[in-house]
N, C-alpha and C. Protein backbone atom coordinates (compact mmCIF):
# COMPACT_ATOMS: atom_id res chain seq x y z
N MET A 1 17.56 219.32 50.62
CA MET A 1 16.34 218.69 51.08
C MET A 1 15.52 219.65 51.95
N LEU A 2 16.18 220.33 52.88
CA LEU A 2 15.46 221.26 53.76
C LEU A 2 14.79 222.38 52.97
N ARG A 3 15.50 222.91 52.00
CA ARG A 3 14.93 223.99 51.19
C ARG A 3 13.67 223.50 50.48
N GLU A 4 13.72 222.30 49.91
CA GLU A 4 12.55 221.75 49.23
C GLU A 4 11.38 221.58 50.19
N GLN A 5 11.66 221.07 51.39
CA GLN A 5 10.61 220.88 52.39
C GLN A 5 10.03 222.22 52.82
N TYR A 6 10.89 223.22 52.98
CA TYR A 6 10.43 224.55 53.39
C TYR A 6 9.58 225.19 52.29
N GLU A 7 10.04 225.07 51.05
CA GLU A 7 9.32 225.69 49.94
C GLU A 7 7.96 225.04 49.70
N THR A 8 7.81 223.77 50.04
CA THR A 8 6.51 223.11 49.90
C THR A 8 5.67 223.29 51.17
N GLU A 9 6.19 224.09 52.10
CA GLU A 9 5.54 224.44 53.36
C GLU A 9 5.36 223.24 54.29
N ARG A 10 6.09 222.16 54.04
CA ARG A 10 6.00 221.00 54.92
C ARG A 10 6.62 221.29 56.28
N ILE A 11 7.66 222.12 56.32
CA ILE A 11 8.30 222.42 57.60
C ILE A 11 8.19 223.89 57.98
N LYS A 12 7.47 224.67 57.19
CA LYS A 12 7.31 226.09 57.50
C LYS A 12 6.57 226.24 58.83
N ASP A 13 7.03 227.13 59.68
CA ASP A 13 6.42 227.41 60.98
C ASP A 13 6.42 226.19 61.90
N LYS A 14 7.43 225.34 61.79
CA LYS A 14 7.55 224.17 62.66
C LYS A 14 8.94 224.17 63.29
N TRP A 15 9.03 223.52 64.45
CA TRP A 15 10.31 223.34 65.11
C TRP A 15 11.05 222.22 64.41
N CYS A 16 12.34 222.40 64.20
CA CYS A 16 13.15 221.37 63.56
C CYS A 16 14.38 221.07 64.40
N TRP A 17 14.66 219.81 64.58
CA TRP A 17 15.91 219.37 65.19
C TRP A 17 16.79 218.90 64.05
N ILE A 18 17.88 219.60 63.83
CA ILE A 18 18.83 219.23 62.78
C ILE A 18 20.09 218.80 63.51
N ASP A 19 20.30 217.51 63.55
CA ASP A 19 21.34 216.93 64.38
C ASP A 19 22.70 217.62 64.21
N CYS A 20 23.13 217.80 62.97
CA CYS A 20 24.46 218.37 62.76
C CYS A 20 24.53 219.84 63.16
N LEU A 21 23.39 220.52 63.31
CA LEU A 21 23.38 221.91 63.76
C LEU A 21 23.06 222.03 65.25
N CYS A 22 22.18 221.18 65.75
CA CYS A 22 21.74 221.27 67.14
C CYS A 22 22.65 220.52 68.09
N LEU A 23 23.53 219.72 67.57
CA LEU A 23 24.39 218.90 68.39
C LEU A 23 25.84 219.14 67.96
N ASN A 24 26.65 219.63 68.88
CA ASN A 24 28.06 219.86 68.59
C ASN A 24 28.74 218.51 68.41
N GLN A 25 28.95 218.11 67.18
CA GLN A 25 29.49 216.79 66.88
C GLN A 25 30.91 216.60 67.42
N ALA A 26 31.66 217.68 67.56
CA ALA A 26 33.05 217.59 68.03
C ALA A 26 33.15 217.64 69.55
N GLY A 27 32.12 218.12 70.23
CA GLY A 27 32.15 218.24 71.68
C GLY A 27 31.69 216.95 72.35
N ILE A 28 32.64 216.12 72.75
CA ILE A 28 32.31 214.80 73.30
C ILE A 28 31.40 214.92 74.53
N VAL A 29 31.71 215.83 75.44
CA VAL A 29 30.92 215.97 76.67
C VAL A 29 29.52 216.47 76.33
N GLU A 30 29.44 217.54 75.53
CA GLU A 30 28.12 218.07 75.15
C GLU A 30 27.33 217.01 74.38
N LYS A 31 27.99 216.34 73.47
CA LYS A 31 27.31 215.34 72.65
C LYS A 31 26.75 214.22 73.53
N SER A 32 27.51 213.76 74.52
CA SER A 32 27.02 212.68 75.37
C SER A 32 25.81 213.13 76.20
N VAL A 33 25.77 214.40 76.58
CA VAL A 33 24.61 214.92 77.33
C VAL A 33 23.40 215.03 76.41
N GLN A 34 23.60 215.58 75.24
CA GLN A 34 22.49 215.81 74.31
C GLN A 34 21.92 214.51 73.74
N VAL A 35 22.77 213.53 73.52
CA VAL A 35 22.30 212.26 72.95
C VAL A 35 21.25 211.63 73.85
N ARG A 36 21.35 211.85 75.15
CA ARG A 36 20.35 211.30 76.07
C ARG A 36 18.96 211.89 75.84
N HIS A 37 18.88 213.06 75.19
CA HIS A 37 17.59 213.72 74.95
C HIS A 37 16.96 213.34 73.61
N ILE A 38 17.72 212.70 72.75
CA ILE A 38 17.24 212.41 71.40
C ILE A 38 15.98 211.54 71.43
N GLY A 39 15.92 210.56 72.33
CA GLY A 39 14.74 209.72 72.44
C GLY A 39 13.49 210.54 72.70
N SER A 40 13.59 211.50 73.61
CA SER A 40 12.45 212.37 73.92
C SER A 40 12.08 213.24 72.74
N ILE A 41 13.08 213.71 72.03
CA ILE A 41 12.81 214.57 70.86
C ILE A 41 11.97 213.80 69.85
N PHE A 42 12.38 212.57 69.53
CA PHE A 42 11.63 211.78 68.56
C PHE A 42 10.29 211.31 69.12
N GLU A 43 10.25 211.00 70.40
CA GLU A 43 9.00 210.54 71.01
C GLU A 43 7.93 211.63 70.99
N LEU A 44 8.35 212.87 71.18
CA LEU A 44 7.40 213.98 71.23
C LEU A 44 7.12 214.58 69.86
N ALA A 45 7.86 214.15 68.86
CA ALA A 45 7.69 214.70 67.51
C ALA A 45 6.40 214.20 66.88
N ALA A 46 5.69 215.10 66.21
CA ALA A 46 4.50 214.71 65.46
C ALA A 46 4.90 214.02 64.16
N GLU A 47 6.09 214.34 63.68
CA GLU A 47 6.57 213.80 62.41
C GLU A 47 8.09 213.85 62.41
N ALA A 48 8.72 212.90 61.77
CA ALA A 48 10.17 212.90 61.66
C ALA A 48 10.56 212.74 60.19
N LEU A 49 11.38 213.64 59.72
CA LEU A 49 11.95 213.54 58.38
C LEU A 49 13.41 213.17 58.56
N VAL A 50 13.87 212.21 57.80
CA VAL A 50 15.24 211.75 57.93
C VAL A 50 15.95 211.90 56.60
N TYR A 51 17.10 212.53 56.65
CA TYR A 51 17.95 212.65 55.46
C TYR A 51 19.28 212.01 55.80
N VAL A 52 19.65 210.99 55.07
CA VAL A 52 20.89 210.27 55.38
C VAL A 52 21.97 210.48 54.33
N GLY A 53 21.70 211.28 53.35
CA GLY A 53 22.71 211.57 52.33
C GLY A 53 22.16 211.33 50.93
N VAL A 54 23.06 211.48 49.98
CA VAL A 54 22.67 211.32 48.58
C VAL A 54 22.40 209.85 48.28
N GLU A 55 21.60 209.62 47.26
CA GLU A 55 21.25 208.26 46.87
C GLU A 55 22.47 207.52 46.34
N ILE A 56 22.62 206.27 46.78
CA ILE A 56 23.69 205.42 46.28
C ILE A 56 23.07 204.11 45.81
N GLU A 57 23.91 203.20 45.39
CA GLU A 57 23.44 201.94 44.81
C GLU A 57 22.51 201.16 45.74
N SER A 58 22.78 201.16 47.05
CA SER A 58 21.98 200.36 47.97
C SER A 58 20.81 201.13 48.59
N THR A 59 20.53 202.34 48.13
CA THR A 59 19.44 203.13 48.69
C THR A 59 18.10 202.43 48.53
N ALA A 60 17.84 201.86 47.38
CA ALA A 60 16.56 201.18 47.14
C ALA A 60 16.40 200.01 48.11
N LEU A 61 17.47 199.29 48.38
CA LEU A 61 17.42 198.19 49.33
C LEU A 61 17.08 198.69 50.73
N ALA A 62 17.70 199.78 51.13
CA ALA A 62 17.43 200.35 52.45
C ALA A 62 15.98 200.85 52.55
N MET A 63 15.49 201.49 51.52
CA MET A 63 14.11 202.00 51.54
C MET A 63 13.11 200.85 51.59
N ASN A 64 13.40 199.77 50.89
CA ASN A 64 12.55 198.59 50.94
C ASN A 64 12.50 198.04 52.36
N PHE A 65 13.64 198.01 53.03
CA PHE A 65 13.69 197.54 54.42
C PHE A 65 12.85 198.44 55.32
N TRP A 66 12.97 199.77 55.14
CA TRP A 66 12.18 200.71 55.97
C TRP A 66 10.69 200.49 55.78
N LYS A 67 10.28 200.23 54.55
CA LYS A 67 8.86 199.98 54.29
C LYS A 67 8.39 198.71 54.99
N ARG A 68 9.22 197.65 54.97
CA ARG A 68 8.87 196.42 55.66
C ARG A 68 8.82 196.65 57.17
N LEU A 69 9.73 197.47 57.69
CA LEU A 69 9.70 197.81 59.11
C LEU A 69 8.41 198.53 59.48
N GLN A 70 8.00 199.47 58.63
CA GLN A 70 6.78 200.22 58.90
C GLN A 70 5.59 199.28 59.00
N VAL A 71 5.45 198.36 58.06
CA VAL A 71 4.35 197.39 58.09
C VAL A 71 4.46 196.54 59.35
N PHE A 72 5.67 196.11 59.67
CA PHE A 72 5.90 195.28 60.85
C PHE A 72 5.42 195.99 62.11
N PHE A 73 5.81 197.25 62.28
CA PHE A 73 5.44 197.97 63.50
C PHE A 73 3.97 198.37 63.53
N GLU A 74 3.36 198.60 62.37
CA GLU A 74 1.93 198.91 62.35
C GLU A 74 1.11 197.70 62.79
N GLU A 75 1.58 196.50 62.48
CA GLU A 75 0.85 195.29 62.82
C GLU A 75 1.24 194.73 64.18
N LEU A 76 2.28 195.26 64.76
CA LEU A 76 2.80 194.71 66.01
C LEU A 76 1.93 195.08 67.20
N PRO A 77 1.46 194.09 67.95
CA PRO A 77 0.80 194.44 69.21
C PRO A 77 1.85 195.02 70.15
N ARG A 78 1.54 196.13 70.73
CA ARG A 78 2.51 196.78 71.59
C ARG A 78 2.42 196.30 73.04
N VAL A 79 1.32 195.67 73.38
CA VAL A 79 1.16 195.11 74.73
C VAL A 79 0.57 193.71 74.63
N ASP A 80 0.85 192.89 75.63
CA ASP A 80 0.28 191.54 75.63
C ASP A 80 -1.11 191.56 76.27
N ALA A 81 -1.71 190.40 76.44
CA ALA A 81 -3.07 190.31 76.98
C ALA A 81 -3.20 190.90 78.37
N ASP A 82 -2.08 190.91 79.12
CA ASP A 82 -2.10 191.47 80.48
C ASP A 82 -1.75 192.95 80.50
N GLY A 83 -1.58 193.54 79.33
CA GLY A 83 -1.24 194.96 79.26
C GLY A 83 0.25 195.24 79.42
N GLU A 84 1.07 194.19 79.39
CA GLU A 84 2.51 194.36 79.54
C GLU A 84 3.14 194.64 78.17
N LEU A 85 4.15 195.50 78.15
CA LEU A 85 4.86 195.79 76.91
C LEU A 85 5.53 194.55 76.36
N ILE A 86 5.52 194.43 75.04
CA ILE A 86 6.16 193.31 74.38
C ILE A 86 7.51 193.78 73.84
N PHE A 87 8.54 193.08 74.21
CA PHE A 87 9.89 193.39 73.72
C PHE A 87 10.34 192.26 72.82
N LEU A 88 10.92 192.61 71.69
CA LEU A 88 11.40 191.61 70.74
C LEU A 88 12.91 191.70 70.62
N ALA A 89 13.53 190.56 70.40
CA ALA A 89 14.96 190.54 70.11
C ALA A 89 15.17 190.97 68.67
N HIS A 90 16.35 191.48 68.37
CA HIS A 90 16.60 191.93 67.00
C HIS A 90 16.49 190.78 66.01
N GLU A 91 16.76 189.55 66.45
CA GLU A 91 16.60 188.39 65.57
C GLU A 91 15.15 188.24 65.13
N ASP A 92 14.21 188.48 66.06
CA ASP A 92 12.77 188.41 65.73
C ASP A 92 12.41 189.45 64.69
N LEU A 93 12.91 190.64 64.86
CA LEU A 93 12.63 191.73 63.92
C LEU A 93 13.15 191.40 62.54
N LEU A 94 14.38 190.92 62.47
CA LEU A 94 14.96 190.56 61.17
C LEU A 94 14.20 189.40 60.52
N ARG A 95 13.86 188.39 61.30
CA ARG A 95 13.12 187.24 60.76
C ARG A 95 11.75 187.68 60.25
N ASP A 96 11.03 188.47 61.05
CA ASP A 96 9.66 188.84 60.71
C ASP A 96 9.58 189.86 59.57
N THR A 97 10.66 190.55 59.28
CA THR A 97 10.68 191.47 58.15
C THR A 97 11.34 190.85 56.93
N GLY A 98 11.74 189.58 57.04
CA GLY A 98 12.36 188.90 55.91
C GLY A 98 13.74 189.42 55.59
N THR A 99 14.44 189.90 56.61
CA THR A 99 15.76 190.48 56.41
C THR A 99 16.83 189.53 56.94
N THR A 100 17.94 189.47 56.26
CA THR A 100 19.05 188.63 56.74
C THR A 100 20.24 189.47 57.11
């Protein structure tokens, strides 16, 4: 996947965080320290590409869910009338995306 992205110049001359390379998966102490930074990495990213492995039988189902999530978050008001952040329970997210 990375080679394809690089060859199409999608990631050429860009910083990349590759979890399995940037994070010592076997180092429990290092991993616990680095995991705290992952939120900032994604928050500051202009774009995120995710590779979760080869396609399997349920991949289409997962991709359909991601598309519904995208629509859900695009339409979601992020603050209420008073400017306060809106927090939803996971049950609300599942209900509103039609997921069980």
